[in-house]
Each structure stands twice: as structure tokens, then as C-alpha cells.
Amino acid sequence: MTEAAELPQAPEAARTVFGELFPEAVRYAELLADAGVKRGLIGPREVPRLWERHLLNCAVLSEVVPEGVTVCDVGSGAGLPGIPLALVRPDLKITLLEPLLRRTNFLQEVVELLGLDHVTVVRGRAEEMLGKVPPVHVVTARAVAPLDRLAGWGVPLLRPYGEMLALKGDTAEEEIQSARAALSKLGVVETSVLHVGEGIVDPLSTVVRVEVGESPGGVRFAAKRAKAARTSRTRRRR
């Protein structure tokens, strides 16, 4: 029996969540269970719970993402949460940002196979992307790093008054408390913990929302952002 054969049938909730793109969601689950496992992007023990723990858990993030915005999924890995979010929200422009080549190869294959024209795959580290990718309204992340480090990578990629939405576990409140000093230095003006997926996932998905003011990244990144803007203008003039 192959890993792909162990993938359980999609729950009824998946049909509701993914709607017209439910067949594409099934195809993505199959790819994760097969190529994703073979390439070491997801553990074989995760295959039986791919739908509830991974696809649906990520798709319900859409409940708190504003309409028609730009999104950067930092450390996208196997495409979680970026690809489930793209499947339920064709109104979004999503960048999947991932530093490892084998992962970006997989992501590009998935994007092309599923026909996700509103998704772009970029290989690189978030901390090196300032000025290389346009600032976005929303940064998403899942299981990438503790909140203080994650914010250091993701917050500088935001537009003024943007927000970072990080899928977290039971320690979300504790992470916020321990990261407060770091978040303040990064220009964060408000943090909150949200629970999404009522009637779809149990337990509910926990999301840490980090909102920034007019200077994402704070003073530390202001000079870097100004330099990046000057460089970009010089390139355009050429």
C-alpha cells in the first residue's frame, strides 16, 4: 500500500469549504499524500489526518483575511496555509515564499497543476525579501517559528497598517506575552488571538493577529525600506 492510498475520503465539510474548487482540493491532498511524502515535505503519519489537521485547518483562515488583498505566505513549505487559502479565495493575490528549492519546485508544480493563476511562487528567505517583493496587506504563516522570530521576518514585508496572521496552537497567548517587546520594536500596534472554523474544524483553528501601524518593521527597518525604494526607482529609470 502506498502513502497515497492511505489518504482518507474528504469529509463533507471540505465540499462546503472549497465549493467549486473541491476537485482541486482533492488533487492537492493526493499530491501531498504521495509526492509530498516521498519528497519529505510532509510526514507519512500526517496522511490520515491531512484533511482535518492541514487542509481544512488552513482553509478556515480565509474567515479573517480581508477581500481582494495581497498575501505573502512566509515559509510556505508544502503550501500550508497558502494553497488551501488560494483554493477558497480566488480574490486574493498570493505569494508563496519558501527558501528551499525542493519545496519551491513542489509548490510550482502544484500551482500549475491546479491552475492557480492568482498564486506566485518565490524562492527566498523572508528576511532577504525587503525591496525584492512588493509590500503586502497580509502575511500568513504556519508552524514556521516562535512569534518573535516570525514577526521579525514577516512584519517588514507588510504595507503600512497591514497585518500578520499566524496559525498557532494552545500556546498562542503565551507567545504573544513573551514577544511583546520584540513586537513593539517592529512597529506592531495591536495583537489578538482569534478562533476560526466554527462548524468545520474541531478544535477550532487558532490565529494570532499582529497589526502594524504606518511603519512596518519599526525604526530598525525604516532605513532599509528607504534604501530598497531608492534602488527600485533606479532600476526602473534604467
Protein backbone atom coordinates (compact mmCIF):
# COMPACT_ATOMS: atom_id res chain seq x y z
CA MET A 1 0.00 0.00 0.00
CA THR A 2 1.38 3.42 -0.95
CA GLU A 3 1.14 6.54 1.18
CA ALA A 4 -1.37 7.99 -1.31
CA ALA A 5 -3.74 5.05 -0.75
CA GLU A 6 -3.90 5.88 2.97
CA LEU A 7 -5.48 9.26 2.28
CA PRO A 8 -8.99 9.16 3.77
CA GLN A 9 -12.04 10.27 1.84
CA ALA A 10 -12.65 14.01 2.04
CA PRO A 11 -15.10 14.98 4.79
CA GLU A 12 -18.37 16.63 3.80
CA ALA A 13 -17.14 19.90 5.31
CA ALA A 14 -14.46 20.05 2.61
CA ARG A 15 -17.12 20.18 -0.12
CA THR A 16 -18.70 23.14 1.64
CA VAL A 17 -15.44 24.99 2.25
CA PHE A 18 -13.82 24.51 -1.16
CA GLY A 19 -17.01 24.73 -3.22
CA GLU A 20 -16.39 24.67 -6.97
CA LEU A 21 -12.70 24.00 -6.40
CA PHE A 22 -13.33 20.89 -4.29
CA PRO A 23 -11.86 18.63 -7.06
CA GLU A 24 -8.68 20.74 -6.98
CA ALA A 25 -8.55 20.43 -3.19
CA VAL A 26 -8.79 16.64 -3.52
CA ARG A 27 -5.98 16.69 -6.08
CA TYR A 28 -3.82 18.78 -3.73
CA ALA A 29 -4.47 16.33 -0.88
CA GLU A 30 -3.45 13.46 -3.17
CA LEU A 31 -0.25 15.28 -4.14
CA LEU A 32 0.62 15.90 -0.50
CA ALA A 33 -0.04 12.26 0.39
CA ASP A 34 2.08 10.97 -2.48
CA ALA A 35 4.79 13.31 -3.81
CA GLY A 36 4.72 15.40 -0.63
CA VAL A 37 5.62 12.38 1.49
CA LYS A 38 8.16 10.97 -0.98
CA ARG A 39 9.98 14.31 -1.12
CA GLY A 40 9.98 14.71 2.64
CA LEU A 41 7.65 17.71 2.68
CA ILE A 42 5.12 16.06 4.97
CA GLY A 43 5.43 13.13 7.34
CA PRO A 44 3.69 9.85 6.40
CA ARG A 45 1.90 9.85 9.76
CA GLU A 46 0.15 13.06 8.74
CA VAL A 47 -1.57 11.47 5.71
CA PRO A 48 -4.58 10.03 7.62
CA ARG A 49 -5.32 13.48 9.07
CA LEU A 50 -4.47 15.63 6.06
CA TRP A 51 -7.99 16.93 5.65
CA GLU A 52 -8.85 17.97 9.21
CA ARG A 53 -5.41 18.90 10.56
CA HIS A 54 -3.96 20.50 7.46
CA LEU A 55 -6.24 21.46 4.55
CA LEU A 56 -9.34 22.50 6.47
CA ASN A 57 -7.35 23.86 9.39
CA CYS A 58 -5.64 26.22 6.92
CA ALA A 59 -8.62 26.96 4.67
CA VAL A 60 -10.66 28.46 7.52
CA LEU A 61 -8.01 31.17 7.85
CA SER A 62 -9.96 32.78 4.99
CA GLU A 63 -12.57 33.88 7.54
CA VAL A 64 -10.25 36.64 8.78
CA VAL A 65 -8.49 37.65 5.54
CA PRO A 66 -9.96 40.84 4.01
CA GLU A 67 -11.38 40.78 0.49
CA GLY A 68 -9.17 41.42 -2.53
CA VAL A 69 -5.87 41.91 -0.72
CA THR A 70 -2.30 40.81 -1.42
CA VAL A 71 -0.92 37.99 0.72
CA CYS A 72 2.56 36.60 1.32
CA ASP A 73 2.72 33.11 2.84
CA VAL A 74 6.07 33.06 4.65
CA GLY A 75 7.88 29.72 4.89
CA SER A 76 5.18 28.12 2.80
CA GLY A 77 6.75 24.64 2.88
CA ALA A 78 4.31 22.25 1.24
CA GLY A 79 1.89 25.13 0.63
CA LEU A 80 0.21 25.40 4.02
CA PRO A 81 -1.69 27.63 4.57
CA GLY A 82 -1.16 29.39 1.22
CA ILE A 83 -2.62 26.84 -1.18
CA PRO A 84 -5.79 25.99 0.79
CA LEU A 85 -6.32 29.73 1.19
CA ALA A 86 -5.88 30.21 -2.57
CA LEU A 87 -8.40 27.45 -3.28
CA VAL A 88 -11.14 29.13 -1.27
CA ARG A 89 -10.22 32.76 -2.08
CA PRO A 90 -9.65 33.45 -5.80
CA ASP A 91 -10.00 37.16 -4.99
CA LEU A 92 -6.58 37.19 -3.32
CA LYS A 93 -3.15 37.68 -4.91
CA ILE A 94 -0.93 35.22 -3.05
CA THR A 95 2.85 34.82 -2.99
CA LEU A 96 4.22 31.54 -1.63
CA LEU A 97 7.64 32.40 -0.17
CA GLU A 98 9.93 29.46 0.56
CA PRO A 99 13.76 29.25 0.71
CA LEU A 100 14.28 25.55 -0.12
CA LEU A 101 14.49 24.53 -3.79
CA ARG A 102 12.83 21.12 -3.44
CA ARG A 103 9.86 22.81 -1.79
CA THR A 104 9.55 25.61 -4.34
CA ASN A 105 9.71 23.00 -7.12
CA PHE A 106 6.81 21.15 -5.50
CA LEU A 107 4.85 24.37 -4.98
CA GLN A 108 5.32 25.43 -8.60
CA GLU A 109 4.12 22.03 -9.81
CA VAL A 110 1.03 22.24 -7.58
CA VAL A 111 0.20 25.79 -8.68
CA GLU A 112 0.42 24.80 -12.35
CA LEU A 113 -1.49 21.52 -11.93
CA LEU A 114 -4.32 23.22 -10.05
CA GLY A 115 -4.45 26.23 -12.38
CA LEU A 116 -3.97 28.77 -9.58
CA ASP A 117 -3.29 31.83 -11.73
CA HIS A 118 -3.52 34.16 -8.72
CA VAL A 119 -0.60 32.43 -6.95
CA THR A 120 3.12 33.12 -7.44
CA VAL A 121 5.96 31.03 -6.05
CA VAL A 122 9.11 32.87 -4.93
CA ARG A 123 12.25 31.20 -3.64
CA GLY A 124 13.99 33.13 -0.89
CA ARG A 125 14.22 33.91 2.81
CA ALA A 126 11.73 36.41 4.18
CA GLU A 127 14.49 38.43 5.85
CA GLU A 128 16.12 38.96 2.44
CA MET A 129 12.97 39.96 0.55
CA LEU A 130 12.63 43.59 1.63
CA GLY A 131 12.61 45.61 -1.59
CA LYS A 132 12.58 42.47 -3.74
CA VAL A 133 8.88 41.71 -3.40
CA PRO A 134 6.13 44.37 -3.20
CA PRO A 135 4.80 45.04 0.32
CA VAL A 136 1.59 43.12 1.02
CA HIS A 137 -1.59 43.69 3.01
CA VAL A 138 -1.38 40.34 4.82
CA VAL A 139 1.42 37.96 5.79
CA THR A 140 0.42 34.40 6.69
CA ALA A 141 2.43 31.64 8.34
CA ARG A 142 2.01 28.25 9.97
CA ALA A 143 4.46 26.31 12.12
CA VAL A 144 7.40 28.43 10.96
CA ALA A 145 8.95 29.84 14.16
CA PRO A 146 8.13 31.35 17.57
CA LEU A 147 6.17 34.58 17.25
CA ASP A 148 9.03 36.99 17.99
CA ARG A 149 11.25 35.50 15.27
CA LEU A 150 8.36 35.05 12.86
CA ALA A 151 7.37 38.70 13.27
CA GLY A 152 10.95 39.77 12.60
CA TRP A 153 10.76 38.03 9.23
CA GLY A 154 7.15 38.74 8.27
CA VAL A 155 6.23 42.18 9.61
CA PRO A 156 8.75 44.11 7.44
CA LEU A 157 7.06 42.64 4.33
CA LEU A 158 3.77 44.37 5.20
CA ARG A 159 2.30 47.56 3.83
CA PRO A 160 1.51 50.29 6.38
CA TYR A 161 -1.47 49.21 8.51
CA GLY A 162 -1.18 45.61 7.30
CA GLU A 163 -1.44 42.51 9.43
CA MET A 164 0.26 39.19 10.00
CA LEU A 165 -1.98 36.16 10.58
CA ALA A 166 -0.13 33.23 12.13
CA LEU A 167 -1.76 29.86 12.72
CA LYS A 168 -0.69 28.80 16.21
CA GLY A 169 -1.56 26.25 18.85
CA ASP A 170 -2.59 26.32 22.52
CA THR A 171 0.38 28.50 23.49
CA ALA A 172 -0.73 31.48 21.38
CA GLU A 173 -1.39 33.78 24.35
CA GLU A 174 1.93 32.88 25.97
CA GLU A 175 3.78 33.55 22.72
CA ILE A 176 2.23 37.00 22.50
CA GLN A 177 3.25 37.82 26.05
CA SER A 178 6.86 36.71 25.58
CA ALA A 179 7.12 38.53 22.24
CA ARG A 180 5.65 41.89 23.32
CA ALA A 181 8.97 43.77 23.47
CA ALA A 182 10.09 42.46 20.07
CA LEU A 183 6.69 43.23 18.52
CA SER A 184 6.74 46.79 19.82
CA LYS A 185 10.14 47.43 18.23
CA LEU A 186 8.75 46.15 14.93
CA GLY A 187 6.01 48.77 14.82
CA VAL A 188 3.21 46.45 15.96
CA VAL A 189 0.29 48.39 17.41
CA GLU A 190 -2.12 45.60 18.33
CA THR A 191 -2.20 41.82 18.83
CA SER A 192 -5.11 39.46 19.33
CA VAL A 193 -5.98 35.76 19.32
CA LEU A 194 -8.80 34.61 17.04
CA HIS A 195 -10.54 31.25 16.76
CA VAL A 196 -11.91 30.31 13.34
CA GLY A 197 -13.59 27.36 11.66
CA GLU A 198 -16.78 27.04 13.70
CA GLY A 199 -18.71 24.03 12.42
CA ILE A 200 -15.83 22.97 10.17
CA VAL A 201 -12.84 22.02 12.35
CA ASP A 202 -12.68 20.71 15.90
CA PRO A 203 -10.78 22.05 17.71
CA LEU A 204 -11.08 25.48 16.14
CA SER A 205 -8.04 26.90 14.37
CA THR A 206 -6.15 29.43 16.49
CA VAL A 207 -4.85 32.54 14.74
CA VAL A 208 -2.57 35.20 16.18
CA ARG A 209 -3.29 38.53 14.50
CA VAL A 210 -0.47 41.08 14.58
CA GLU A 211 -1.41 44.53 13.29
CA VAL A 212 1.12 47.21 12.36
CA GLY A 213 0.95 50.98 12.13
CA GLU A 214 2.41 53.28 9.49
CA SER A 215 5.95 51.87 9.82
CA PRO A 216 6.03 48.06 9.45
CA GLY A 217 9.27 46.80 10.95
CA GLY A 218 9.70 49.94 13.04
CA VAL A 219 12.76 52.19 13.08
CA ARG A 220 15.05 49.21 12.51
CA PHE A 221 13.67 48.65 9.01
CA ALA A 222 12.84 52.24 8.02
CA ALA A 223 16.31 52.88 6.58
CA LYS A 224 16.37 49.51 4.82
CA ARG A 225 12.96 50.21 3.30
CA ALA A 226 14.02 53.66 2.09
CA LYS A 227 17.19 52.22 0.55
CA ALA A 228 15.21 49.46 -1.15
CA ALA A 229 12.78 52.04 -2.57
CA ARG A 230 15.65 54.13 -3.96
CA THR A 231 17.22 51.05 -5.55
CA SER A 232 13.89 50.09 -7.11
CA ARG A 233 13.43 53.57 -8.59
CA THR A 234 16.97 53.49 -10.03
CA ARG A 235 16.30 50.14 -11.68
CA ARG A 236 13.06 51.42 -13.23
CA ARG A 237 14.81 54.50 -14.67
CA ARG A 238 17.36 52.23 -16.35
